[in-house]
Each structure stands twice: as structure tokens, then as C-alpha cells.
Amino acid sequence: MKKELVVKVKNLSKEFKVSQKSIKAIDNTSFNIYKEEFVGFIGQNGAGKTTTLKCLTGLLAPDEGEVRVLGHEPQKRDYDFLSSISLVMGNKSQLWWELPPIETFLLNKEIYQIEDTFFKKNLSEMVERLGITEAINIPVRKLSLGERMKCELVASFLHSPELLFLDEPTLGLDIVSQQKLRDFLADYQARNKATVILTSHNMEDIKNLCKRVIIIDKGKVLYDGRLTELTEKFVKEKFVRFVLPVPQQERKISGLGKILDFNGKIGLILVNRQKIKEVTKALIEKFDVEDIDIEEPSLESVVRNIWS
């Protein structure tokens, strides 16, 4: 069965002039995204992620190349196009600071010409799912960051967009709020058969939501494929952090992996990913550990591995 093409980017380039210099934010980049995909679009600060999203949503016009989104040229900002997408930025707000979120919801209802029955049903379902029944009637300035972000999602999803651009949606949230937002996004995508492009420095967002990732660095695509294959191909080691019940000599753990930090009870070692089960089993059996945690290298480390 042929996949439906939602986003087509071919040889996209975008430059900015800063202090009489030209900086290429996107450099001859190409990729396609298909219907119902949940794609992680990741990279370090300044890699070109947000600039690419702005070109895809029509906020910026490309200098070179072709961009087609849902069959439209984004920079033309056609109503049919704008009513089919949504852009959520973790560091930007569309909510009125002094008014309750419900006022923004009602405004968006009119902007997107949402029918009354559909609006009430959609609003009620999202508010209940996110647990913000009371929050939507409280002035935005009095809400917590987590409550505000949930209200941002409601405001952006009221018209049931089929294509979502999410730029750092969990930025600044605590762990519990992050997971609630991830659960909501996964549920929305499944229920509405939506296509989602997610940028995030939080690898938990990517691991929980995305099967495919596109890694961009210096405006170029470095990797485009399945997340599982990314880690297997480029991440050869993992971190093992552990807490022992009683102090031990460093030499007793030296054979388990490369010691990065150890004070007798608390340790951090670097272990070949193929030996993780073997090493964790040895730690538990030999030392009856109080706590143990396995961590993936940071996104920055992954990008450096690919670039090298």
C-alpha cells in the first residue's frame, strides 16, 4: 500500500544575514514525511530545527529548494493549509496572560470556524483527559507552567489539525507533567490519525513517541531512519549508575566497565551496550546493589558520533 506523502522537502536552503555575514541555517536539506508518522526532528542548538519548522509552516520562505506540505506551498499561507496544521512552541505562548484560557479557546473557535457541537465535544474531551477542568477558568498568569502548556495544546488542537509541529513541548516541565503530555500527544495522534513532527532536546520525548528520527546538524540531515537503528548503529556504550549498600574498593568494580565516577558507594561506569545485561547482573549478584539505573548517552553525544 502506497504511503500518503504529507511533507516534501527537496534541496531546501535558508540563510540569515548577521553583522554583514551570511549564516546558512539550512543547507540543501531533503526529506519526506508520510501520513500518520510521528517523527523526531532533533539536533543541537543552532542546528536548523526551528528554522526548518518555520519554513514548513510558512513563517519563513525558503531561499532555495522546494517545500510542499499537505499539497500546499506553506509560504502562501492559504486558509485551507493553516486550518489543517498546528504549531506548538514550548517557549512561545498564544494564551492571553491576564485572561482565562477559555477566552483563547473561544477566540480560536471563531478563527477556525469550528461548529458549536464539535467545539464543545472536542474541548470537553481534551480538558478531561489533561485534567485541567478548573484551570481553564483561571487567569493564565496564575497557572503553573504545566497547566499553561496543557492549555496551549488544547488551544492548538481544537480544530483537530491533521499535521502537528511540536517545538520543545515539554520544555521546563517536571517529570510527571512531561509524561502526562507525552501520553496525551500519543493518544491524540492515534485517535486522529495525525502526522506529527517533534523537536526536543529531551530524549525521553523522542524515545516515548517517535519510531523515526531525523537528525540535523549545521543545516544538513545527518541521519534519517528508525530510532532503534540509530542507537544500535551509532551508540556503542551506555552509562550504568549504581548505589552500593556498603563501601567497596574501586578495584572490585574496575573489570565491569570504564569507571567515570566512584566514591566507594555511588558509581558511574561506561559499558559496552552488548554487555549491559551481563554487567548489571554481576553488580546485583556481587554487591546486592541498593539502586541501579541504565542511561543512554546524551543527544549531543549521538550527534557527535554521527558527525565523526
C-alpha atoms as a PDB file:
ATOM      1  CA  MET A   1       0.000   0.000   0.000  1.00  0.00           C
ATOM      2  CA  LYS A   2       1.460   3.365  -1.063  1.00  0.00           C
ATOM      3  CA  LYS A   3       2.027   5.833   1.774  1.00  0.00           C
ATOM      4  CA  GLU A   4       0.407   9.254   1.530  1.00  0.00           C
ATOM      5  CA  LEU A   5       3.038  12.000   1.292  1.00  0.00           C
ATOM      6  CA  VAL A   6       2.383  14.816   3.758  1.00  0.00           C
ATOM      7  CA  VAL A   7       5.651  16.783   3.778  1.00  0.00           C
ATOM      8  CA  LYS A   8       8.086  17.049   0.889  1.00  0.00           C
ATOM      9  CA  VAL A   9      11.344  18.938   1.353  1.00  0.00           C
ATOM     10  CA  LYS A  10      13.785  18.981  -1.548  1.00  0.00           C
ATOM     11  CA  ASN A  11      17.111  20.847  -1.569  1.00  0.00           C
ATOM     12  CA  LEU A  12      15.864  23.381   0.996  1.00  0.00           C
ATOM     13  CA  SER A  13      18.263  26.197   1.909  1.00  0.00           C
ATOM     14  CA  LYS A  14      17.796  29.254   4.119  1.00  0.00           C
ATOM     15  CA  GLU A  15      20.324  31.971   5.005  1.00  0.00           C
ATOM     16  CA  PHE A  16      20.297  34.815   7.515  1.00  0.00           C
ATOM     17  CA  LYS A  17      22.488  37.904   7.456  1.00  0.00           C
ATOM     18  CA  VAL A  18      24.101  38.692  10.803  1.00  0.00           C
ATOM     19  CA  SER A  19      26.633  41.534  11.171  1.00  0.00           C
ATOM     20  CA  GLN A  20      27.249  41.662   7.418  1.00  0.00           C
ATOM     21  CA  LYS A  21      27.826  37.903   7.347  1.00  0.00           C
ATOM     22  CA  SER A  22      25.609  35.225   5.813  1.00  0.00           C
ATOM     23  CA  ILE A  23      24.815  32.248   8.034  1.00  0.00           C
ATOM     24  CA  LYS A  24      23.301  29.198   6.375  1.00  0.00           C
ATOM     25  CA  ALA A  25      20.696  27.863   8.812  1.00  0.00           C
ATOM     26  CA  ILE A  26      19.501  25.153   6.382  1.00  0.00           C
ATOM     27  CA  ASP A  27      21.886  23.781   3.781  1.00  0.00           C
ATOM     28  CA  ASN A  28      20.461  21.853   0.811  1.00  0.00           C
ATOM     29  CA  THR A  29      18.274  19.611   3.005  1.00  0.00           C
ATOM     30  CA  SER A  30      15.844  16.989   1.685  1.00  0.00           C
ATOM     31  CA  PHE A  31      13.402  14.569   3.374  1.00  0.00           C
ATOM     32  CA  ASN A  32       9.826  13.260   3.110  1.00  0.00           C
ATOM     33  CA  ILE A  33       7.282  12.614   5.861  1.00  0.00           C
ATOM     34  CA  TYR A  34       4.234  10.405   5.380  1.00  0.00           C
ATOM     35  CA  LYS A  35       0.739  10.311   6.847  1.00  0.00           C
ATOM     36  CA  GLU A  36       0.420   9.162  10.489  1.00  0.00           C
ATOM     37  CA  GLU A  37       4.166   9.200  11.118  1.00  0.00           C
ATOM     38  CA  PHE A  38       5.424  10.521  14.476  1.00  0.00           C
ATOM     39  CA  VAL A  39       8.866  11.838  13.576  1.00  0.00           C
ATOM     40  CA  GLY A  40      11.529  13.179  15.916  1.00  0.00           C
ATOM     41  CA  PHE A  41      13.384  16.113  14.363  1.00  0.00           C
ATOM     42  CA  ILE A  42      16.430  16.574  16.545  1.00  0.00           C
ATOM     43  CA  GLY A  43      19.806  18.225  16.793  1.00  0.00           C
ATOM     44  CA  GLN A  44      21.896  20.563  18.889  1.00  0.00           C
ATOM     45  CA  ASN A  45      21.122  24.247  19.464  1.00  0.00           C
ATOM     46  CA  GLY A  46      21.599  26.147  16.229  1.00  0.00           C
ATOM     47  CA  ALA A  47      21.347  23.004  14.081  1.00  0.00           C
ATOM     48  CA  GLY A  48      18.487  24.425  11.990  1.00  0.00           C
ATOM     49  CA  LYS A  49      15.493  22.647  13.520  1.00  0.00           C
ATOM     50  CA  THR A  50      13.296  25.637  14.304  1.00  0.00           C
ATOM     51  CA  THR A  51      14.189  27.376  11.031  1.00  0.00           C
ATOM     52  CA  THR A  52      13.091  24.259   9.145  1.00  0.00           C
ATOM     53  CA  LEU A  53       9.793  24.135  11.066  1.00  0.00           C
ATOM     54  CA  LYS A  54       9.179  27.801  10.263  1.00  0.00           C
ATOM     55  CA  CYS A  55       9.703  27.075   6.554  1.00  0.00           C
ATOM     56  CA  LEU A  56       7.297  24.123   6.774  1.00  0.00           C
ATOM     57  CA  THR A  57       4.619  26.218   8.476  1.00  0.00           C
ATOM     58  CA  GLY A  58       5.014  29.256   6.205  1.00  0.00           C
ATOM     59  CA  LEU A  59       6.511  31.595   8.794  1.00  0.00           C
ATOM     60  CA  LEU A  60       9.635  31.788   6.648  1.00  0.00           C
ATOM     61  CA  ALA A  61      10.081  31.478   2.883  1.00  0.00           C
ATOM     62  CA  PRO A  62      12.900  29.270   1.563  1.00  0.00           C
ATOM     63  CA  ASP A  63      15.786  30.896  -0.277  1.00  0.00           C
ATOM     64  CA  GLU A  64      16.205  27.808  -2.447  1.00  0.00           C
ATOM     65  CA  GLY A  65      14.543  24.443  -2.905  1.00  0.00           C
ATOM     66  CA  GLU A  66      11.020  23.057  -2.819  1.00  0.00           C
ATOM     67  CA  VAL A  67       8.693  22.694   0.161  1.00  0.00           C
ATOM     68  CA  ARG A  68       5.228  21.123  -0.118  1.00  0.00           C
ATOM     69  CA  VAL A  69       3.083  20.459   2.944  1.00  0.00           C
ATOM     70  CA  LEU A  70      -0.320  18.769   2.584  1.00  0.00           C
ATOM     71  CA  GLY A  71      -0.088  19.679  -1.098  1.00  0.00           C
ATOM     72  CA  HIS A  72       0.368  23.401  -0.346  1.00  0.00           C
ATOM     73  CA  GLU A  73       3.224  25.869  -0.615  1.00  0.00           C
ATOM     74  CA  PRO A  74       3.443  26.920   3.059  1.00  0.00           C
ATOM     75  CA  GLN A  75       4.680  30.478   2.417  1.00  0.00           C
ATOM     76  CA  LYS A  76       1.399  31.295   0.637  1.00  0.00           C
ATOM     77  CA  ARG A  77      -0.392  30.798   3.977  1.00  0.00           C
ATOM     78  CA  ASP A  78      -3.652  29.586   2.372  1.00  0.00           C
ATOM     79  CA  TYR A  79      -6.566  29.258   4.814  1.00  0.00           C
ATOM     80  CA  ASP A  80      -7.075  25.564   3.937  1.00  0.00           C
ATOM     81  CA  PHE A  81      -3.426  24.934   4.752  1.00  0.00           C
ATOM     82  CA  LEU A  82      -3.399  26.896   8.014  1.00  0.00           C
ATOM     83  CA  SER A  83      -6.613  25.248   9.205  1.00  0.00           C
ATOM     84  CA  SER A  84      -5.029  21.797   8.725  1.00  0.00           C
ATOM     85  CA  ILE A  85      -1.860  22.359  10.773  1.00  0.00           C
ATOM     86  CA  SER A  86      -0.833  23.478  14.225  1.00  0.00           C
ATOM     87  CA  LEU A  87       2.477  24.770  15.590  1.00  0.00           C
ATOM     88  CA  VAL A  88       3.175  24.488  19.321  1.00  0.00           C
ATOM     89  CA  MET A  89       6.357  26.082  20.649  1.00  0.00           C
ATOM     90  CA  GLY A  90       7.391  25.411  24.234  1.00  0.00           C
ATOM     91  CA  ASN A  91       8.935  28.872  24.613  1.00  0.00           C
ATOM     92  CA  LYS A  92       6.073  30.804  22.966  1.00  0.00           C
ATOM     93  CA  SER A  93       2.510  31.338  24.148  1.00  0.00           C
ATOM     94  CA  GLN A  94      -0.728  32.113  22.337  1.00  0.00           C
ATOM     95  CA  LEU A  95      -2.715  32.418  25.582  1.00  0.00           C
ATOM     96  CA  TRP A  96      -3.759  35.839  26.873  1.00  0.00           C
ATOM     97  CA  TRP A  97      -1.794  36.382  30.086  1.00  0.00           C
ATOM     98  CA  GLU A  98      -4.470  38.249  32.049  1.00  0.00           C
ATOM     99  CA  LEU A  99      -7.467  36.164  30.890  1.00  0.00           C
ATOM    100  CA  PRO A 100      -8.525  32.550  31.500  1.00  0.00           C
ATOM    101  CA  PRO A 101      -7.565  30.047  28.760  1.00  0.00           C
ATOM    102  CA  ILE A 102     -11.233  29.530  27.885  1.00  0.00           C
ATOM    103  CA  GLU A 103     -11.205  33.013  26.298  1.00  0.00           C
ATOM    104  CA  THR A 104      -8.422  31.956  23.913  1.00  0.00           C
ATOM    105  CA  PHE A 105     -10.316  28.758  23.135  1.00  0.00           C
ATOM    106  CA  LEU A 106     -13.425  30.748  22.213  1.00  0.00           C
ATOM    107  CA  LEU A 107     -11.387  33.090  20.013  1.00  0.00           C
ATOM    108  CA  ASN A 108      -9.794  30.125  18.199  1.00  0.00           C
ATOM    109  CA  LYS A 109     -13.256  28.645  17.712  1.00  0.00           C
ATOM    110  CA  GLU A 110     -14.176  31.725  15.676  1.00  0.00           C
ATOM    111  CA  ILE A 111     -10.832  31.930  13.838  1.00  0.00           C
ATOM    112  CA  TYR A 112     -11.078  28.306  12.689  1.00  0.00           C
ATOM    113  CA  GLN A 113     -14.862  28.466  12.226  1.00  0.00           C
ATOM    114  CA  ILE A 114     -15.429  25.430  14.423  1.00  0.00           C
ATOM    115  CA  GLU A 115     -19.034  24.252  14.654  1.00  0.00           C
ATOM    116  CA  ASP A 116     -20.558  24.577  18.168  1.00  0.00           C
ATOM    117  CA  THR A 117     -21.246  20.898  18.826  1.00  0.00           C
ATOM    118  CA  PHE A 118     -17.820  19.800  17.626  1.00  0.00           C
ATOM    119  CA  PHE A 119     -16.130  22.544  19.666  1.00  0.00           C
ATOM    120  CA  LYS A 120     -17.878  21.571  22.910  1.00  0.00           C
ATOM    121  CA  LYS A 121     -17.205  17.853  22.408  1.00  0.00           C
ATOM    122  CA  ASN A 122     -13.553  18.307  21.452  1.00  0.00           C
ATOM    123  CA  LEU A 123     -12.896  20.808  24.241  1.00  0.00           C
ATOM    124  CA  SER A 124     -14.580  18.636  26.871  1.00  0.00           C
ATOM    125  CA  GLU A 125     -12.617  15.527  25.875  1.00  0.00           C
ATOM    126  CA  MET A 126      -9.224  17.254  25.880  1.00  0.00           C
ATOM    127  CA  VAL A 127      -9.811  19.163  29.109  1.00  0.00           C
ATOM    128  CA  GLU A 128     -10.897  15.992  30.894  1.00  0.00           C
ATOM    129  CA  ARG A 129      -8.003  13.946  29.503  1.00  0.00           C
ATOM    130  CA  LEU A 130      -5.471  16.578  30.595  1.00  0.00           C
ATOM    131  CA  GLY A 131      -7.089  17.159  33.993  1.00  0.00           C
ATOM    132  CA  ILE A 132      -7.500  20.937  33.599  1.00  0.00           C
ATOM    133  CA  THR A 133     -11.242  21.374  34.145  1.00  0.00           C
ATOM    134  CA  GLU A 134     -10.724  24.123  36.730  1.00  0.00           C
ATOM    135  CA  ALA A 135      -7.558  25.596  35.201  1.00  0.00           C
ATOM    136  CA  ILE A 136      -9.253  26.778  32.002  1.00  0.00           C
ATOM    137  CA  ASN A 137     -11.278  29.300  34.024  1.00  0.00           C
ATOM    138  CA  ILE A 138      -8.301  30.753  35.935  1.00  0.00           C
ATOM    139  CA  PRO A 139      -6.231  33.670  34.556  1.00  0.00           C
ATOM    140  CA  VAL A 140      -3.204  32.322  32.714  1.00  0.00           C
ATOM    141  CA  ARG A 141      -0.761  34.279  34.899  1.00  0.00           C
ATOM    142  CA  LYS A 142      -1.941  32.252  37.924  1.00  0.00           C
ATOM    143  CA  LEU A 143      -1.431  28.825  36.306  1.00  0.00           C
ATOM    144  CA  SER A 144       1.592  26.592  36.757  1.00  0.00           C
ATOM    145  CA  LEU A 145       3.901  26.017  33.782  1.00  0.00           C
ATOM    146  CA  GLY A 146       2.465  22.517  33.347  1.00  0.00           C
ATOM    147  CA  GLU A 147      -1.115  23.793  33.347  1.00  0.00           C
ATOM    148  CA  ARG A 148      -0.247  26.522  30.854  1.00  0.00           C
ATOM    149  CA  MET A 149       1.392  24.036  28.486  1.00  0.00           C
ATOM    150  CA  LYS A 150      -1.664  21.771  28.632  1.00  0.00           C
ATOM    151  CA  CYS A 151      -3.864  24.752  27.797  1.00  0.00           C
ATOM    152  CA  GLU A 152      -1.537  25.634  24.894  1.00  0.00           C
ATOM    153  CA  LEU A 153      -2.129  22.154  23.472  1.00  0.00           C
ATOM    154  CA  VAL A 154      -5.887  22.466  23.829  1.00  0.00           C
ATOM    155  CA  ALA A 155      -5.849  25.855  22.077  1.00  0.00           C
ATOM    156  CA  SER A 156      -3.743  24.409  19.250  1.00  0.00           C
ATOM    157  CA  PHE A 157      -5.719  21.188  18.811  1.00  0.00           C
ATOM    158  CA  LEU A 158      -9.312  22.491  18.977  1.00  0.00           C
ATOM    159  CA  HIS A 159      -9.646  22.432  15.186  1.00  0.00           C
ATOM    160  CA  SER A 160      -8.299  18.840  15.042  1.00  0.00           C
ATOM    161  CA  PRO A 161      -5.275  19.563  12.828  1.00  0.00           C
ATOM    162  CA  GLU A 162      -4.034  16.657  10.741  1.00  0.00           C
ATOM    163  CA  LEU A 163      -0.413  17.826  10.885  1.00  0.00           C
ATOM    164  CA  LEU A 164       1.251  18.909  14.145  1.00  0.00           C
ATOM    165  CA  PHE A 165       4.551  20.733  14.545  1.00  0.00           C
ATOM    166  CA  LEU A 166       5.727  20.481  18.144  1.00  0.00           C
ATOM    167  CA  ASP A 167       8.801  22.500  19.089  1.00  0.00           C
ATOM    168  CA  GLU A 168      10.067  21.581  22.591  1.00  0.00           C
ATOM    169  CA  PRO A 169       6.555  20.996  24.047  1.00  0.00           C
ATOM    170  CA  THR A 170       7.878  19.676  27.397  1.00  0.00           C
ATOM    171  CA  LEU A 171      10.432  22.474  27.892  1.00  0.00           C
ATOM    172  CA  GLY A 172      10.755  23.379  31.587  1.00  0.00           C
ATOM    173  CA  LEU A 173       8.166  20.868  32.824  1.00  0.00           C
ATOM    174  CA  ASP A 174       8.682  18.475  35.721  1.00  0.00           C
ATOM    175  CA  ILE A 175       8.929  14.730  35.049  1.00  0.00           C
ATOM    176  CA  VAL A 176       5.273  13.986  35.886  1.00  0.00           C
ATOM    177  CA  SER A 177       3.971  16.792  33.658  1.00  0.00           C
ATOM    178  CA  GLN A 178       6.272  15.689  30.842  1.00  0.00           C
ATOM    179  CA  GLN A 179       4.862  12.163  30.903  1.00  0.00           C
ATOM    180  CA  LYS A 180       1.253  13.366  31.015  1.00  0.00           C
ATOM    181  CA  LEU A 181       1.878  15.495  27.944  1.00  0.00           C
ATOM    182  CA  ARG A 182       3.529  12.583  26.129  1.00  0.00           C
ATOM    183  CA  ASP A 183       0.563  10.339  26.919  1.00  0.00           C
ATOM    184  CA  PHE A 184      -1.834  12.995  25.621  1.00  0.00           C
ATOM    185  CA  LEU A 185       0.145  13.502  22.404  1.00  0.00           C
ATOM    186  CA  ALA A 186       0.366   9.770  21.714  1.00  0.00           C
ATOM    187  CA  ASP A 187      -3.378   9.405  22.323  1.00  0.00           C
ATOM    188  CA  TYR A 188      -4.233  12.384  20.106  1.00  0.00           C
ATOM    189  CA  GLN A 189      -2.070  11.113  17.269  1.00  0.00           C
ATOM    190  CA  ALA A 190      -3.641   7.649  17.416  1.00  0.00           C
ATOM    191  CA  ARG A 191      -7.232   8.883  17.712  1.00  0.00           C
ATOM    192  CA  ASN A 192      -6.973  11.455  14.934  1.00  0.00           C
ATOM    193  CA  LYS A 193      -4.541   9.583  12.666  1.00  0.00           C
ATOM    194  CA  ALA A 194      -2.453  12.750  12.714  1.00  0.00           C
ATOM    195  CA  THR A 195       1.070  13.266  11.428  1.00  0.00           C
ATOM    196  CA  VAL A 196       3.462  14.742  13.994  1.00  0.00           C
ATOM    197  CA  ILE A 197       6.885  16.357  13.718  1.00  0.00           C
ATOM    198  CA  LEU A 198       8.511  16.780  17.133  1.00  0.00           C
ATOM    199  CA  THR A 199      11.666  18.678  18.020  1.00  0.00           C
ATOM    200  CA  SER A 200      13.056  18.163  21.506  1.00  0.00           C
ATOM    201  CA  HIS A 201      16.306  18.047  23.449  1.00  0.00           C
ATOM    202  CA  ASN A 202      14.566  15.685  25.866  1.00  0.00           C
ATOM    203  CA  MET A 203      15.431  12.189  24.658  1.00  0.00           C
ATOM    204  CA  GLU A 204      12.565  10.766  26.737  1.00  0.00           C
ATOM    205  CA  ASP A 205      10.148  12.637  24.443  1.00  0.00           C
ATOM    206  CA  ILE A 206      11.798  11.078  21.404  1.00  0.00           C
ATOM    207  CA  LYS A 207      12.054   7.560  22.847  1.00  0.00           C
ATOM    208  CA  ASN A 208       8.453   7.531  24.091  1.00  0.00           C
ATOM    209  CA  LEU A 209       6.806   8.971  20.999  1.00  0.00           C
ATOM    210  CA  CYS A 210       8.910   8.542  17.857  1.00  0.00           C
ATOM    211  CA  LYS A 211       9.780   5.488  15.802  1.00  0.00           C
ATOM    212  CA  ARG A 212      11.606   7.529  13.185  1.00  0.00           C
ATOM    213  CA  VAL A 213      14.120  10.311  13.754  1.00  0.00           C
ATOM    214  CA  ILE A 214      15.743  12.882  11.517  1.00  0.00           C
ATOM    215  CA  ILE A 215      18.958  14.315  12.932  1.00  0.00           C
ATOM    216  CA  ILE A 216      20.066  17.675  11.604  1.00  0.00           C
ATOM    217  CA  ASP A 217      23.354  19.446  12.261  1.00  0.00           C
ATOM    218  CA  LYS A 218      24.655  22.655  10.712  1.00  0.00           C
ATOM    219  CA  GLY A 219      21.610  22.700   8.454  1.00  0.00           C
ATOM    220  CA  LYS A 220      22.237  19.242   6.990  1.00  0.00           C
ATOM    221  CA  VAL A 221      20.490  15.921   7.584  1.00  0.00           C
ATOM    222  CA  LEU A 222      22.950  13.545   9.226  1.00  0.00           C
ATOM    223  CA  TYR A 223      20.593  10.641   9.843  1.00  0.00           C
ATOM    224  CA  ASP A 224      17.076   9.700   8.765  1.00  0.00           C
ATOM    225  CA  GLY A 225      15.723   6.359   9.936  1.00  0.00           C
ATOM    226  CA  ARG A 226      14.353   4.288  12.788  1.00  0.00           C
ATOM    227  CA  LEU A 227      15.297   5.274  16.333  1.00  0.00           C
ATOM    228  CA  THR A 228      16.208   1.686  17.215  1.00  0.00           C
ATOM    229  CA  GLU A 229      18.667   1.533  14.347  1.00  0.00           C
ATOM    230  CA  LEU A 230      20.163   4.888  15.346  1.00  0.00           C
ATOM    231  CA  THR A 231      21.173   3.697  18.796  1.00  0.00           C
ATOM    232  CA  GLU A 232      22.369   0.331  17.551  1.00  0.00           C
ATOM    233  CA  LYS A 233      24.456   1.892  14.803  1.00  0.00           C
ATOM    234  CA  PHE A 234      25.940   4.941  16.486  1.00  0.00           C
ATOM    235  CA  VAL A 235      25.699   4.409  20.255  1.00  0.00           C
ATOM    236  CA  LYS A 236      28.088   1.639  21.250  1.00  0.00           C
ATOM    237  CA  GLU A 237      28.042   2.248  25.001  1.00  0.00           C
ATOM    238  CA  LYS A 238      25.655   3.057  27.836  1.00  0.00           C
ATOM    239  CA  PHE A 239      26.085   4.508  31.298  1.00  0.00           C
ATOM    240  CA  VAL A 240      25.381   2.359  34.363  1.00  0.00           C
ATOM    241  CA  ARG A 241      24.782   4.318  37.561  1.00  0.00           C
ATOM    242  CA  PHE A 242      24.575   2.351  40.825  1.00  0.00           C
ATOM    243  CA  VAL A 243      24.451   2.669  44.627  1.00  0.00           C
ATOM    244  CA  LEU A 244      26.072   0.007  46.833  1.00  0.00           C
ATOM    245  CA  PRO A 245      24.865  -0.862  50.362  1.00  0.00           C
ATOM    246  CA  VAL A 246      28.395  -0.697  51.851  1.00  0.00           C
ATOM    247  CA  PRO A 247      31.637   0.934  50.618  1.00  0.00           C
ATOM    248  CA  GLN A 248      33.803  -1.118  48.249  1.00  0.00           C
ATOM    249  CA  GLN A 249      37.292  -0.736  46.853  1.00  0.00           C
ATOM    250  CA  GLU A 250      37.460   0.613  43.307  1.00  0.00           C
ATOM    251  CA  ARG A 251      39.407  -2.396  42.063  1.00  0.00           C
ATOM    252  CA  LYS A 252      36.404  -4.648  42.759  1.00  0.00           C
ATOM    253  CA  ILE A 253      34.334  -2.912  40.073  1.00  0.00           C
ATOM    254  CA  SER A 254      37.133  -1.992  37.677  1.00  0.00           C
ATOM    255  CA  GLY A 255      36.565  -5.043  35.486  1.00  0.00           C
ATOM    256  CA  LEU A 256      32.894  -4.239  34.830  1.00  0.00           C
ATOM    257  CA  GLY A 257      33.400  -1.145  32.679  1.00  0.00           C
ATOM    258  CA  LYS A 258      35.209   2.148  32.380  1.00  0.00           C
ATOM    259  CA  ILE A 259      34.899   3.944  35.721  1.00  0.00           C
ATOM    260  CA  LEU A 260      33.775   7.536  35.252  1.00  0.00           C
ATOM    261  CA  ASP A 261      32.970   8.270  38.889  1.00  0.00           C
ATOM    262  CA  PHE A 262      33.140   6.232  42.111  1.00  0.00           C
ATOM    263  CA  ASN A 263      33.313   7.234  45.776  1.00  0.00           C
ATOM    264  CA  GLY A 264      33.085   3.773  47.316  1.00  0.00           C
ATOM    265  CA  LYS A 265      29.284   3.537  47.325  1.00  0.00           C
ATOM    266  CA  ILE A 266      27.986   5.547  44.373  1.00  0.00           C
ATOM    267  CA  GLY A 267      29.403   4.839  40.939  1.00  0.00           C
ATOM    268  CA  LEU A 268      29.060   5.621  37.246  1.00  0.00           C
ATOM    269  CA  ILE A 269      30.624   3.309  34.659  1.00  0.00           C
ATOM    270  CA  LEU A 270      30.634   3.220  30.861  1.00  0.00           C
ATOM    271  CA  VAL A 271      29.676  -0.211  29.496  1.00  0.00           C
ATOM    272  CA  ASN A 272      29.522  -1.702  26.001  1.00  0.00           C
ATOM    273  CA  ARG A 273      25.807  -1.910  25.145  1.00  0.00           C
ATOM    274  CA  GLN A 274      26.185  -5.597  24.275  1.00  0.00           C
ATOM    275  CA  LYS A 275      27.349  -6.337  27.840  1.00  0.00           C
ATOM    276  CA  ILE A 276      24.699  -4.370  29.759  1.00  0.00           C
ATOM    277  CA  LYS A 277      22.779  -7.440  30.987  1.00  0.00           C
ATOM    278  CA  GLU A 278      25.999  -9.194  31.984  1.00  0.00           C
ATOM    279  CA  VAL A 279      27.334  -6.193  33.922  1.00  0.00           C
ATOM    280  CA  THR A 280      24.077  -5.348  35.724  1.00  0.00           C
ATOM    281  CA  LYS A 281      23.665  -8.994  36.710  1.00  0.00           C
ATOM    282  CA  ALA A 282      27.229  -9.065  38.084  1.00  0.00           C
ATOM    283  CA  LEU A 283      26.646  -5.864  40.089  1.00  0.00           C
ATOM    284  CA  ILE A 284      23.442  -7.193  41.634  1.00  0.00           C
ATOM    285  CA  GLU A 285      24.870 -10.643  42.450  1.00  0.00           C
ATOM    286  CA  LYS A 286      28.220  -9.456  43.843  1.00  0.00           C
ATOM    287  CA  PHE A 287      27.203  -6.345  45.758  1.00  0.00           C
ATOM    288  CA  ASP A 288      23.430  -6.582  46.389  1.00  0.00           C
ATOM    289  CA  VAL A 289      23.058  -3.044  44.990  1.00  0.00           C
ATOM    290  CA  GLU A 290      20.527  -0.655  46.510  1.00  0.00           C
ATOM    291  CA  ASP A 291      19.792   1.082  43.228  1.00  0.00           C
ATOM    292  CA  ILE A 292      20.838   0.743  39.604  1.00  0.00           C
ATOM    293  CA  ASP A 293      20.000   2.794  36.509  1.00  0.00           C
ATOM    294  CA  ILE A 294      20.927   2.408  32.838  1.00  0.00           C
ATOM    295  CA  GLU A 295      21.247   5.616  30.824  1.00  0.00           C
ATOM    296  CA  GLU A 296      21.676   6.343  27.135  1.00  0.00           C
ATOM    297  CA  PRO A 297      24.312   8.914  26.121  1.00  0.00           C
ATOM    298  CA  SER A 298      23.017  12.429  25.543  1.00  0.00           C
ATOM    299  CA  LEU A 299      21.626  13.592  22.222  1.00  0.00           C
ATOM    300  CA  GLU A 300      24.747  15.707  21.783  1.00  0.00           C
ATOM    301  CA  SER A 301      26.905  12.579  22.105  1.00  0.00           C
ATOM    302  CA  VAL A 302      24.864  10.774  19.475  1.00  0.00           C
ATOM    303  CA  VAL A 303      25.199  13.679  17.044  1.00  0.00           C
ATOM    304  CA  ARG A 304      28.946  13.865  17.651  1.00  0.00           C
ATOM    305  CA  ASN A 305      29.237  10.120  16.938  1.00  0.00           C
ATOM    306  CA  ILE A 306      27.369  10.518  13.662  1.00  0.00           C
ATOM    307  CA  TRP A 307      29.357  13.587  12.635  1.00  0.00           C
ATOM    308  CA  SER A 308      32.669  11.832  13.335  1.00  0.00           C
END
